[in-house]
N, C-alpha and C. Protein backbone atom coordinates (compact mmCIF):
# COMPACT_ATOMS: atom_id res chain seq x y z
N MET A 1 -64.22 18.66 25.68
CA MET A 1 -64.63 17.73 26.71
C MET A 1 -65.22 18.51 27.88
N PRO A 2 -66.49 18.42 28.05
CA PRO A 2 -67.17 19.26 29.03
C PRO A 2 -66.60 19.15 30.44
N ASN A 3 -66.31 20.30 31.03
CA ASN A 3 -65.92 20.41 32.44
C ASN A 3 -64.73 19.55 32.84
N SER A 4 -63.92 19.11 31.90
CA SER A 4 -62.79 18.24 32.26
C SER A 4 -61.51 19.02 32.50
N GLY A 5 -61.46 20.25 32.05
CA GLY A 5 -60.24 21.02 32.17
C GLY A 5 -59.22 20.70 31.09
N VAL A 6 -59.57 19.83 30.15
CA VAL A 6 -58.66 19.44 29.08
C VAL A 6 -58.73 20.48 27.97
N THR A 7 -57.56 20.98 27.57
CA THR A 7 -57.51 21.98 26.51
C THR A 7 -56.82 21.47 25.26
N SER A 8 -56.23 20.28 25.34
CA SER A 8 -55.51 19.71 24.20
C SER A 8 -55.51 18.18 24.30
N GLY A 9 -55.59 17.52 23.16
CA GLY A 9 -55.51 16.07 23.14
C GLY A 9 -54.19 15.54 23.66
N ASP A 10 -53.16 16.38 23.69
CA ASP A 10 -51.86 15.96 24.23
C ASP A 10 -51.92 15.67 25.73
N GLN A 11 -52.99 16.11 26.38
CA GLN A 11 -53.15 15.88 27.81
C GLN A 11 -53.82 14.53 28.09
N CYS A 12 -54.17 13.81 27.04
CA CYS A 12 -54.88 12.54 27.17
C CYS A 12 -53.93 11.35 27.08
N GLY A 13 -54.32 10.24 27.69
CA GLY A 13 -53.62 8.99 27.43
C GLY A 13 -53.86 8.59 25.98
N GLN A 14 -52.84 8.06 25.32
CA GLN A 14 -52.93 7.73 23.89
C GLN A 14 -52.99 6.22 23.70
N PHE A 15 -53.99 5.73 22.98
CA PHE A 15 -54.19 4.31 22.79
C PHE A 15 -54.54 4.00 21.34
N TYR A 16 -54.62 2.73 21.00
CA TYR A 16 -55.15 2.30 19.70
C TYR A 16 -55.97 1.04 19.93
N ALA A 17 -56.97 0.86 19.08
CA ALA A 17 -57.86 -0.29 19.19
C ALA A 17 -57.38 -1.40 18.26
N ALA A 18 -57.50 -2.63 18.74
CA ALA A 18 -57.14 -3.80 17.92
C ALA A 18 -58.03 -4.97 18.33
N PRO A 19 -58.33 -5.85 17.39
CA PRO A 19 -59.18 -6.99 17.73
C PRO A 19 -58.42 -8.04 18.54
N ILE A 20 -59.11 -8.64 19.50
CA ILE A 20 -58.58 -9.80 20.23
C ILE A 20 -59.00 -11.06 19.49
N ASN A 21 -60.25 -11.05 19.01
CA ASN A 21 -60.78 -12.15 18.19
C ASN A 21 -61.86 -11.56 17.29
N SER A 22 -62.71 -12.36 16.72
CA SER A 22 -63.68 -11.85 15.73
C SER A 22 -64.80 -11.02 16.36
N THR A 23 -64.96 -11.05 17.67
CA THR A 23 -66.05 -10.30 18.29
C THR A 23 -65.61 -9.34 19.39
N THR A 24 -64.34 -9.35 19.76
CA THR A 24 -63.88 -8.55 20.90
C THR A 24 -62.70 -7.67 20.50
N TRP A 25 -62.79 -6.41 20.88
CA TRP A 25 -61.72 -5.45 20.63
C TRP A 25 -61.18 -4.97 21.97
N THR A 26 -59.94 -4.49 21.96
CA THR A 26 -59.34 -3.92 23.17
C THR A 26 -58.51 -2.71 22.80
N LEU A 27 -58.11 -1.96 23.81
CA LEU A 27 -57.23 -0.82 23.62
C LEU A 27 -55.85 -1.15 24.15
N TYR A 28 -54.84 -0.74 23.41
CA TYR A 28 -53.44 -0.90 23.80
C TYR A 28 -52.80 0.47 23.89
N ASN A 29 -51.73 0.59 24.68
CA ASN A 29 -50.96 1.83 24.73
C ASN A 29 -50.36 2.08 23.36
N ASP A 30 -50.44 3.31 22.90
CA ASP A 30 -49.83 3.71 21.63
C ASP A 30 -48.39 4.08 21.93
N ASP A 31 -47.44 3.27 21.46
CA ASP A 31 -46.03 3.49 21.82
C ASP A 31 -45.39 4.66 21.09
N ARG A 32 -46.16 5.38 20.30
CA ARG A 32 -45.65 6.62 19.69
C ARG A 32 -45.73 7.79 20.67
N TYR A 33 -46.36 7.55 21.84
CA TYR A 33 -46.54 8.57 22.86
C TYR A 33 -46.03 8.04 24.20
N PRO A 34 -45.80 8.92 25.18
CA PRO A 34 -45.37 8.44 26.50
C PRO A 34 -46.44 7.50 27.10
N LEU A 35 -45.98 6.56 27.91
CA LEU A 35 -46.92 5.67 28.58
C LEU A 35 -47.85 6.48 29.47
N PRO A 36 -49.11 6.08 29.56
CA PRO A 36 -50.02 6.82 30.44
C PRO A 36 -49.61 6.69 31.90
N THR A 37 -49.87 7.74 32.64
CA THR A 37 -49.59 7.73 34.09
C THR A 37 -50.82 7.33 34.88
N TRP A 38 -51.98 7.29 34.22
CA TRP A 38 -53.30 7.01 34.81
C TRP A 38 -53.80 8.19 35.65
N PHE A 39 -53.12 9.34 35.50
CA PHE A 39 -53.63 10.55 36.11
C PHE A 39 -54.17 11.50 35.03
N GLU A 40 -54.17 11.05 33.77
CA GLU A 40 -54.71 11.86 32.68
C GLU A 40 -56.19 12.11 32.90
N LYS A 41 -56.66 13.25 32.42
CA LYS A 41 -58.07 13.59 32.55
C LYS A 41 -58.91 12.99 31.44
N CYS A 42 -58.27 12.41 30.43
CA CYS A 42 -59.00 11.85 29.31
C CYS A 42 -58.13 10.80 28.62
N GLY A 43 -58.73 10.08 27.73
CA GLY A 43 -58.02 9.14 26.89
C GLY A 43 -58.55 9.26 25.48
N ARG A 44 -57.71 8.99 24.52
CA ARG A 44 -58.16 8.98 23.12
C ARG A 44 -57.47 7.83 22.43
N ALA A 45 -58.10 7.34 21.38
CA ALA A 45 -57.56 6.15 20.71
C ALA A 45 -57.76 6.25 19.20
N SER A 46 -56.84 5.64 18.47
CA SER A 46 -57.00 5.46 17.04
C SER A 46 -57.87 4.23 16.85
N ILE A 47 -58.92 4.37 16.07
CA ILE A 47 -59.86 3.28 15.82
C ILE A 47 -59.81 2.94 14.34
N PRO A 48 -59.56 1.66 13.98
CA PRO A 48 -59.54 1.30 12.55
C PRO A 48 -60.86 1.64 11.88
N ASN A 49 -60.80 2.02 10.62
CA ASN A 49 -61.97 2.46 9.89
C ASN A 49 -63.10 1.43 9.89
N ASP A 50 -62.78 0.14 9.70
CA ASP A 50 -63.86 -0.85 9.64
C ASP A 50 -64.57 -0.97 10.98
N GLN A 51 -63.86 -0.88 12.09
CA GLN A 51 -64.48 -0.92 13.41
C GLN A 51 -65.30 0.35 13.66
N ASN A 52 -64.75 1.47 13.30
CA ASN A 52 -65.43 2.75 13.52
C ASN A 52 -66.72 2.84 12.70
N THR A 53 -66.66 2.53 11.43
CA THR A 53 -67.85 2.65 10.61
C THR A 53 -68.89 1.60 10.98
N GLY A 54 -68.47 0.41 11.36
CA GLY A 54 -69.42 -0.62 11.77
C GLY A 54 -70.11 -0.26 13.07
N ALA A 55 -69.34 0.24 14.03
CA ALA A 55 -69.91 0.58 15.33
C ALA A 55 -70.86 1.76 15.24
N LEU A 56 -70.58 2.68 14.35
CA LEU A 56 -71.40 3.89 14.27
C LEU A 56 -72.47 3.84 13.19
N ALA A 57 -72.58 2.73 12.48
CA ALA A 57 -73.57 2.63 11.41
C ALA A 57 -74.99 2.99 11.86
N PRO A 58 -75.44 2.57 13.05
CA PRO A 58 -76.81 2.94 13.46
C PRO A 58 -77.01 4.45 13.65
N PHE A 59 -75.91 5.19 13.77
CA PHE A 59 -76.03 6.63 13.97
C PHE A 59 -76.00 7.39 12.65
N GLY A 60 -75.82 6.69 11.55
CA GLY A 60 -75.57 7.22 10.22
C GLY A 60 -76.19 8.53 9.80
N ARG A 61 -75.66 9.03 8.73
CA ARG A 61 -76.09 10.32 8.19
C ARG A 61 -77.45 10.25 7.51
N THR A 62 -77.90 9.07 7.11
CA THR A 62 -79.11 9.01 6.31
C THR A 62 -80.33 8.45 7.02
N GLY A 63 -80.20 7.91 8.22
CA GLY A 63 -81.40 7.36 8.82
C GLY A 63 -81.27 7.06 10.29
N GLY A 64 -80.48 7.80 11.00
CA GLY A 64 -80.29 7.48 12.40
C GLY A 64 -80.15 8.72 13.26
N PHE A 65 -79.31 8.60 14.25
CA PHE A 65 -79.11 9.62 15.28
C PHE A 65 -78.74 10.99 14.70
N VAL A 66 -77.81 11.01 13.75
CA VAL A 66 -77.30 12.28 13.22
C VAL A 66 -78.40 13.12 12.58
N PRO A 67 -79.14 12.61 11.60
CA PRO A 67 -80.18 13.46 11.01
C PRO A 67 -81.35 13.73 11.97
N TYR A 68 -81.69 12.75 12.80
CA TYR A 68 -82.79 12.92 13.73
C TYR A 68 -82.54 14.09 14.69
N ASN A 69 -81.29 14.26 15.10
CA ASN A 69 -80.92 15.34 16.02
C ASN A 69 -80.39 16.57 15.30
N ARG A 70 -80.53 16.56 13.99
CA ARG A 70 -80.14 17.72 13.15
C ARG A 70 -78.70 18.13 13.37
N MET A 71 -77.82 17.14 13.51
CA MET A 71 -76.40 17.44 13.68
C MET A 71 -75.78 17.80 12.35
N LEU A 72 -74.90 18.76 12.38
CA LEU A 72 -74.16 19.20 11.20
C LEU A 72 -72.69 18.92 11.40
N ASP A 73 -71.93 18.92 10.30
CA ASP A 73 -70.49 18.75 10.40
C ASP A 73 -69.92 19.76 11.39
N LYS A 74 -68.98 19.30 12.20
CA LYS A 74 -68.26 20.10 13.18
C LYS A 74 -69.12 20.50 14.39
N ASP A 75 -70.34 19.96 14.51
CA ASP A 75 -71.11 20.19 15.73
C ASP A 75 -70.43 19.45 16.87
N PRO A 76 -70.25 20.09 18.03
CA PRO A 76 -69.66 19.39 19.17
C PRO A 76 -70.65 18.41 19.78
N PHE A 77 -70.14 17.31 20.33
CA PHE A 77 -70.98 16.38 21.06
C PHE A 77 -70.12 15.65 22.07
N TRP A 78 -70.73 15.04 23.05
CA TRP A 78 -70.03 14.32 24.11
C TRP A 78 -70.54 12.90 24.12
N LEU A 79 -69.63 11.95 24.16
CA LEU A 79 -69.98 10.54 24.19
C LEU A 79 -69.70 9.99 25.58
N ALA A 80 -70.69 9.41 26.21
CA ALA A 80 -70.54 8.79 27.52
C ALA A 80 -70.80 7.29 27.39
N THR A 81 -70.27 6.52 28.31
CA THR A 81 -70.45 5.07 28.28
C THR A 81 -71.02 4.57 29.60
N PRO A 82 -72.28 4.90 29.89
CA PRO A 82 -72.89 4.42 31.13
C PRO A 82 -72.85 2.90 31.19
N GLY A 83 -72.64 2.38 32.37
CA GLY A 83 -72.52 0.94 32.53
C GLY A 83 -71.09 0.47 32.52
N PHE A 84 -70.18 1.37 32.15
CA PHE A 84 -68.75 1.04 32.15
C PHE A 84 -67.98 1.94 33.11
N ASP A 85 -68.68 2.60 34.02
CA ASP A 85 -68.04 3.52 34.97
C ASP A 85 -67.03 2.81 35.86
N HIS A 86 -67.19 1.53 36.06
CA HIS A 86 -66.29 0.76 36.92
C HIS A 86 -64.96 0.46 36.24
N CYS A 87 -64.83 0.76 34.97
CA CYS A 87 -63.60 0.50 34.21
C CYS A 87 -62.60 1.61 34.48
N THR A 88 -61.79 1.43 35.50
CA THR A 88 -60.91 2.51 35.94
C THR A 88 -59.45 2.28 35.62
N THR A 89 -59.07 1.06 35.23
CA THR A 89 -57.67 0.80 34.88
C THR A 89 -57.61 -0.13 33.68
N ALA A 90 -56.46 -0.18 33.06
CA ALA A 90 -56.27 -1.07 31.92
C ALA A 90 -56.16 -2.53 32.38
N ASP A 91 -56.03 -2.75 33.69
CA ASP A 91 -55.95 -4.11 34.22
C ASP A 91 -57.33 -4.75 34.39
N THR A 92 -58.38 -3.99 34.11
CA THR A 92 -59.74 -4.48 34.30
C THR A 92 -60.31 -4.92 32.96
N THR A 93 -60.89 -6.11 32.91
CA THR A 93 -61.68 -6.50 31.75
C THR A 93 -63.08 -5.99 32.01
N CYS A 94 -63.53 -5.10 31.19
CA CYS A 94 -64.79 -4.40 31.45
C CYS A 94 -65.94 -5.06 30.72
N THR A 95 -67.01 -5.29 31.45
CA THR A 95 -68.26 -5.74 30.89
C THR A 95 -69.35 -4.79 31.38
N TYR A 96 -70.39 -4.70 30.62
CA TYR A 96 -71.49 -3.79 30.97
C TYR A 96 -72.11 -4.18 32.29
N GLN A 97 -72.34 -3.17 33.13
CA GLN A 97 -73.03 -3.36 34.39
C GLN A 97 -74.17 -2.34 34.47
N GLN A 98 -75.39 -2.82 34.54
CA GLN A 98 -76.53 -1.93 34.60
C GLN A 98 -76.56 -1.22 35.94
N GLY A 99 -76.79 0.09 35.91
CA GLY A 99 -76.84 0.88 37.13
C GLY A 99 -78.04 0.53 37.98
N SER A 100 -77.95 0.91 39.25
CA SER A 100 -79.08 0.61 40.15
C SER A 100 -80.09 1.73 40.14
């Protein structure tokens, strides 16, 4: 994780993804780990395979982002979510907000 000071996933808040309904997913605290303090430098979540593969299909190995950028297995990359910067707590329902 670039410039975050994180050296281990154990320093992250631990969550899991689950559907709320047929079109909306949310993250819940993973009770196999301590509750987050909200001072963690990162968060990570378990994502069900069907959600993960569906969400990443446009990036696929055969015709999308991965081959276009010549990414190989184990290449590092950073994922950012612009438009969701205002999502600072689990008490917030986050919707996309276009930057100014």
